[in-house]
Amino acid sequence: MDRIRDVISARDASGAPVQCVGAAEDVTAQHAAQVALIRAERLADAGRLAASFAHEINNPLQGVLGCLSLMEEALAQGHDASRFLDVAQQEVRRAVRVVGQLRDLGRQARTTGERVDIDLRDTITRVLAVTEKRSAEQQVHVTWAPPESMPLIEADGDAIQQVFLNLVLNALDAMPDGGTLTIQATPTTAPEGMCIAITDSGPGIDADLLPRLFESFATTKPDGLGLGLYISRNIIEHHGGHITVETHTGSGTTFSVWLPSHPADQRSAEQ
C-alpha cells in the first residue's frame, strides 16, 4: 500500500501541466500495525467482558454450593432445610438473569435491570445466608442488627445484592483465620437515604493499593480478577449513590455504601 506525497507539477507557457514529479511512501507495514492494534484492543475488550461475566456468575454459584452444603447438614440433623433451598433457588435465578443480560448485551447494553422497591434488610439477610457456611468455617463472628424500619430503595435488586455480596466476600477473604464482621445500617437525612457499613477486623488494605482500589483489575489476591469493587462502584453510582472505604493497618477495613431513599417515601412525607 502506497501513499503519495510531495507532488510537484511542471507547466507550459499557457499554464497547463505537462509533467508531475512526486514521491510515494510504502505504508503497508504501518497499516498492518494499525490493524493489529485495533484487533488487539478488541481482544482485550472481549477478555475484560469474559472476566466480568465470570466474576458475576461465580458469586451466585458459590452461594448455591454453600446453601446445598447447609441443606445437607440440616437434613442430616433432622432440621428444616427449606430456608437454604429458597436462597439457593434465588441465587440460581440470579445467575440465569446474568446470563440473560450478557445475551442481550448486543441488543441494548444496560448497567442494571428493572428497578423495584427493595428493603435493604432483606438484601443483607440473603447475603448473610449465602455466606453463612463460609463464615462458620472461618470462625468469623457476624454482627447484624437491622433497625426496625428502613426506607425503601428504588433499585435493581440483583445488582444491589451483588454489591453487598462482593463486600462481604472481600471481608471474609481478609479474615481467613477468624475475626469479626459487623454490618450497620444508618439512615441519613441530608440527603435522605441509607448508609450500610461493612467492617472487618482484618489486616487492612495496603496504602499503595488504595488510590486505585476501585479501578478494574486492581487486586492483591493471587487468584483475584480485581473486578468486584470496580463493578460495585459502577452499580452504586448508577443508582445515584456512592461507596467509600476507610482502612487502618492492623485493625480492619470499613466499606460504606450510601443509597438514596425511594422517592415515594419523600412524597408520602410531604402529603
Protein backbone atom coordinates (compact mmCIF):
# COMPACT_ATOMS: atom_id res chain seq x y z
CA MET A 1 0.00 0.00 0.00
CA ASP A 2 1.48 3.32 -1.14
CA ARG A 3 0.71 6.87 0.00
CA ILE A 4 1.52 9.73 -2.43
CA ARG A 5 3.12 12.84 -1.02
CA ASP A 6 5.19 15.89 -2.14
CA VAL A 7 3.78 16.16 -5.68
CA ILE A 8 5.34 18.88 -7.93
CA SER A 9 3.93 19.71 -11.35
CA ALA A 10 5.69 21.36 -14.30
CA ARG A 11 3.57 23.62 -16.57
CA ASP A 12 4.00 25.07 -20.05
CA ALA A 13 3.70 28.72 -21.08
CA SER A 14 -0.08 28.53 -21.05
CA GLY A 15 -0.15 27.10 -17.54
CA ALA A 16 -1.20 23.60 -18.48
CA PRO A 17 0.52 20.79 -16.55
CA VAL A 18 2.94 18.84 -18.70
CA GLN A 19 4.81 16.78 -16.09
CA CYS A 20 4.37 15.75 -12.46
CA VAL A 21 7.07 14.57 -10.13
CA GLY A 22 6.25 13.13 -6.74
CA ALA A 23 7.33 10.77 -4.00
CA ALA A 24 5.43 7.74 -2.76
CA GLU A 25 5.76 6.16 0.67
CA ASP A 26 5.08 2.49 1.32
CA VAL A 27 2.73 2.42 4.33
CA THR A 28 1.88 -1.28 4.16
CA ALA A 29 3.68 -2.06 7.41
CA GLN A 30 2.11 0.93 9.18
CA HIS A 31 -1.38 -0.07 8.04
CA ALA A 32 -0.79 -3.65 9.16
CA ALA A 33 0.37 -2.41 12.55
CA GLN A 34 -2.77 -0.29 12.95
CA VAL A 35 -5.00 -3.22 12.03
CA ALA A 36 -3.14 -5.43 14.51
CA LEU A 37 -3.53 -2.78 17.25
CA ILE A 38 -7.28 -2.49 16.67
CA ARG A 39 -7.58 -6.28 16.72
CA ALA A 40 -5.61 -6.49 19.96
CA GLU A 41 -7.81 -3.83 21.58
CA ARG A 42 -10.93 -5.74 20.58
CA LEU A 43 -9.49 -8.95 22.00
CA ALA A 44 -8.64 -7.11 25.22
CA ASP A 45 -12.22 -5.80 25.46
CA ALA A 46 -13.54 -9.31 24.89
CA GLY A 47 -11.23 -10.60 27.59
CA ARG A 48 -12.43 -7.97 30.07
CA LEU A 49 -16.05 -8.80 29.24
CA ALA A 50 -15.38 -12.51 29.76
CA ALA A 51 -13.64 -11.82 33.09
CA SER A 52 -16.51 -9.60 34.22
CA PHE A 53 -19.06 -12.26 33.28
CA ALA A 54 -17.06 -14.94 35.08
CA HIS A 55 -16.97 -12.79 38.19
CA GLU A 56 -20.70 -12.04 38.07
CA ILE A 57 -21.68 -15.68 37.58
CA ASN A 58 -19.21 -17.14 40.09
CA ASN A 59 -20.67 -15.50 43.19
CA PRO A 60 -24.21 -16.91 42.85
CA LEU A 61 -22.79 -20.33 42.02
CA GLN A 62 -20.67 -20.24 45.16
CA GLY A 63 -23.78 -19.25 47.08
CA VAL A 64 -25.68 -22.25 45.72
CA LEU A 65 -22.87 -24.61 46.74
CA GLY A 66 -22.84 -23.13 50.23
CA CYS A 67 -26.62 -23.48 50.59
CA LEU A 68 -26.58 -27.07 49.36
CA SER A 69 -23.95 -27.93 51.94
CA LEU A 70 -26.01 -26.27 54.70
CA MET A 71 -29.10 -28.15 53.49
CA GLU A 72 -27.20 -31.43 53.73
CA GLU A 73 -26.17 -30.68 57.30
CA ALA A 74 -29.69 -29.58 58.28
CA LEU A 75 -31.32 -32.68 56.81
CA ALA A 76 -28.77 -34.95 58.47
CA GLN A 77 -29.72 -33.40 61.82
CA GLY A 78 -33.45 -33.66 61.10
CA HIS A 79 -33.89 -29.91 60.78
CA ASP A 80 -35.94 -27.94 58.27
CA ALA A 81 -33.77 -27.03 55.25
CA SER A 82 -36.36 -25.06 53.28
CA ARG A 83 -34.70 -21.72 54.09
CA PHE A 84 -31.48 -22.76 52.38
CA LEU A 85 -33.43 -24.18 49.43
CA ASP A 86 -35.18 -20.84 48.95
CA VAL A 87 -31.88 -18.95 48.96
CA ALA A 88 -30.29 -21.44 46.54
CA GLN A 89 -33.22 -21.04 44.15
CA GLN A 90 -32.88 -17.26 44.30
CA GLU A 91 -29.17 -17.50 43.52
CA VAL A 92 -29.80 -19.78 40.53
CA ARG A 93 -32.38 -17.32 39.20
CA ARG A 94 -29.87 -14.52 39.63
CA ALA A 95 -27.29 -16.46 37.64
CA VAL A 96 -29.87 -17.01 34.90
CA ARG A 97 -30.55 -13.28 34.78
CA VAL A 98 -26.82 -12.53 34.48
CA VAL A 99 -26.63 -14.89 31.50
CA GLY A 100 -29.66 -13.19 30.00
CA GLN A 101 -28.09 -9.76 30.40
CA LEU A 102 -24.98 -10.96 28.57
CA ARG A 103 -27.16 -12.42 25.80
CA ASP A 104 -28.95 -9.09 25.41
CA LEU A 105 -25.74 -7.06 25.53
CA GLY A 106 -25.58 -6.71 21.77
CA ARG A 107 -29.18 -5.51 21.62
CA GLN A 108 -29.14 -2.84 24.29
CA ALA A 109 -26.44 -2.51 26.95
CA ARG A 110 -27.74 -1.66 30.41
CA THR A 111 -25.80 -1.24 33.65
CA THR A 112 -28.68 -2.58 35.70
CA GLY A 113 -32.06 -4.18 35.14
CA GLU A 114 -35.56 -3.10 36.14
CA ARG A 115 -35.79 -1.08 39.33
CA VAL A 116 -38.27 -2.01 42.03
CA ASP A 117 -38.80 -1.19 45.69
CA ILE A 118 -36.34 -3.15 47.84
CA ASP A 119 -35.75 -3.37 51.57
CA LEU A 120 -32.02 -3.48 52.26
CA ARG A 121 -32.65 -5.54 55.38
CA ASP A 122 -33.88 -8.40 53.19
CA THR A 123 -30.91 -7.94 50.84
CA ILE A 124 -28.35 -8.15 53.65
CA THR A 125 -30.14 -11.12 55.22
CA ARG A 126 -29.97 -13.06 51.94
CA VAL A 127 -26.28 -12.24 51.53
CA LEU A 128 -25.53 -13.48 55.06
CA ALA A 129 -27.49 -16.68 54.39
CA VAL A 130 -25.40 -17.31 51.26
CA THR A 131 -22.14 -16.76 53.16
CA GLU A 132 -23.22 -18.41 56.44
CA LYS A 133 -21.30 -21.65 55.92
CA ARG A 134 -18.07 -19.93 54.93
CA SER A 135 -18.30 -17.56 57.91
CA ALA A 136 -18.73 -20.54 60.24
CA GLU A 137 -15.84 -22.45 58.66
CA GLN A 138 -13.51 -19.45 59.06
CA GLN A 139 -14.77 -18.79 62.61
CA VAL A 140 -15.90 -15.30 61.68
CA HIS A 141 -18.46 -13.85 64.08
CA VAL A 142 -21.11 -11.88 62.21
CA THR A 143 -22.97 -8.98 63.82
CA TRP A 144 -26.04 -7.66 62.02
CA ALA A 145 -28.80 -5.95 63.98
CA PRO A 146 -31.07 -4.27 61.41
CA PRO A 147 -33.23 -1.37 62.56
CA GLU A 148 -36.95 -1.94 62.98
CA SER A 149 -37.74 0.22 59.97
CA MET A 150 -35.78 1.36 56.95
CA PRO A 151 -36.78 3.46 53.94
CA LEU A 152 -37.28 1.54 50.71
CA ILE A 153 -34.69 1.88 47.97
CA GLU A 154 -35.69 2.01 44.33
CA ALA A 155 -33.10 -0.22 42.71
CA ASP A 156 -32.23 -3.29 40.69
CA GLY A 157 -32.35 -5.87 43.48
CA ASP A 158 -29.95 -8.31 41.80
CA ALA A 159 -27.33 -5.62 41.20
CA ILE A 160 -27.52 -4.26 44.76
CA GLN A 161 -27.29 -7.75 46.21
CA GLN A 162 -24.22 -8.36 44.06
CA VAL A 163 -22.58 -5.28 45.60
CA PHE A 164 -23.12 -6.38 49.19
CA LEU A 165 -22.17 -9.96 48.39
CA ASN A 166 -18.89 -8.71 46.91
CA LEU A 167 -18.19 -6.63 50.01
CA VAL A 168 -18.98 -9.46 52.43
CA LEU A 169 -16.86 -11.94 50.45
CA ASN A 170 -13.99 -9.44 50.42
CA ALA A 171 -14.34 -9.07 54.19
CA LEU A 172 -14.20 -12.85 54.63
CA ASP A 173 -11.14 -13.00 52.37
CA ALA A 174 -9.46 -10.55 54.76
CA MET A 175 -10.12 -12.84 57.76
CA PRO A 176 -9.04 -16.38 56.78
CA ASP A 177 -8.16 -17.20 60.39
CA GLY A 178 -11.26 -15.77 62.03
CA GLY A 179 -12.43 -12.37 63.15
CA THR A 180 -15.49 -10.17 63.35
CA LEU A 181 -17.75 -8.95 60.57
CA THR A 182 -20.02 -6.09 61.56
CA ILE A 183 -22.79 -4.68 59.38
CA GLN A 184 -24.56 -1.48 60.38
CA ALA A 185 -27.44 0.38 58.74
CA THR A 186 -27.83 4.10 59.37
CA PRO A 187 -30.48 6.38 57.87
CA THR A 188 -29.37 9.80 56.62
CA THR A 189 -31.42 12.98 56.32
CA ALA A 190 -29.29 15.35 54.25
CA PRO A 191 -29.75 13.90 51.71
CA GLU A 192 -32.29 11.24 52.63
CA GLY A 193 -31.09 7.70 52.20
CA MET A 194 -29.46 4.71 53.85
CA CYS A 195 -25.83 4.03 54.62
CA ILE A 196 -24.73 0.41 55.02
CA ALA A 197 -21.30 -0.01 56.62
CA ILE A 198 -19.48 -3.36 56.39
CA THR A 199 -16.49 -3.66 58.73
CA ASP A 200 -13.98 -6.48 59.05
CA SER A 201 -11.26 -7.00 61.62
CA GLY A 202 -8.64 -7.98 59.06
CA PRO A 203 -5.18 -6.53 58.49
CA GLY A 204 -6.36 -3.53 56.46
CA ILE A 205 -5.64 -2.54 52.86
CA ASP A 206 -2.16 -1.68 51.66
CA ALA A 207 -1.69 2.05 51.21
CA ASP A 208 -0.23 1.57 47.73
CA LEU A 209 -3.45 -0.07 46.53
CA LEU A 210 -5.89 2.46 47.98
CA PRO A 211 -5.65 5.10 45.17
CA ARG A 212 -6.63 2.52 42.54
CA LEU A 213 -8.80 0.28 44.70
CA PHE A 214 -11.93 0.85 42.60
CA GLU A 215 -10.17 0.56 39.24
CA SER A 216 -10.66 -2.51 37.07
CA PHE A 217 -8.18 -5.38 37.57
CA ALA A 218 -6.78 -3.88 40.78
CA THR A 219 -6.24 -6.71 43.25
CA THR A 220 -3.75 -8.23 45.66
CA LYS A 221 -5.34 -11.70 45.58
CA PRO A 222 -3.31 -14.34 43.70
CA ASP A 223 -6.48 -15.70 42.07
CA GLY A 224 -8.46 -12.44 42.03
CA LEU A 225 -9.73 -10.66 38.94
CA GLY A 226 -9.83 -7.20 40.51
CA LEU A 227 -13.35 -6.54 39.20
CA GLY A 228 -15.57 -6.78 42.28
CA LEU A 229 -15.08 -3.27 43.63
CA TYR A 230 -14.96 -1.77 40.12
CA ILE A 231 -18.32 -3.33 39.26
CA SER A 232 -19.75 -2.44 42.67
CA ARG A 233 -18.84 1.22 42.37
CA ASN A 234 -20.40 1.43 38.90
CA ILE A 235 -23.63 -0.15 40.16
CA ILE A 236 -23.89 2.15 43.19
CA GLU A 237 -23.11 5.30 41.21
CA HIS A 238 -25.65 4.28 38.57
CA HIS A 239 -28.21 4.26 41.39
CA GLY A 240 -27.25 7.76 42.47
CA GLY A 241 -25.24 6.62 45.48
CA HIS A 242 -21.60 6.32 46.43
CA ILE A 243 -19.20 3.87 48.05
CA THR A 244 -16.24 4.80 50.25
CA VAL A 245 -13.55 2.93 52.15
CA GLU A 246 -11.74 3.56 55.41
CA THR A 247 -8.89 1.31 56.45
CA HIS A 248 -6.35 1.11 59.24
CA THR A 249 -3.30 -1.11 59.11
CA GLY A 250 -3.73 -3.97 61.55
CA SER A 251 -7.24 -3.03 62.66
CA GLY A 252 -9.58 -3.65 59.78
CA THR A 253 -11.44 -2.00 56.92
CA THR A 254 -14.89 -0.43 56.54
CA PHE A 255 -16.73 -0.08 53.24
CA SER A 256 -19.68 2.28 53.38
CA VAL A 257 -22.41 2.24 50.75
CA TRP A 258 -24.89 5.10 50.61
CA LEU A 259 -28.05 4.92 48.52
CA PRO A 260 -30.83 7.49 48.17
CA SER A 261 -34.19 6.56 49.65
CA HIS A 262 -37.17 5.77 47.47
CA PRO A 263 -38.71 8.95 46.01
CA ALA A 264 -42.13 7.65 47.07
CA ASP A 265 -41.06 7.88 50.72
CA GLN A 266 -40.36 11.56 50.24
CA ARG A 267 -43.71 12.16 48.52
CA SER A 268 -45.57 10.39 51.32
CA ALA A 269 -43.83 12.56 53.90
CA GLU A 270 -44.87 15.69 52.08
CA GLN A 271 -48.58 14.71 51.89
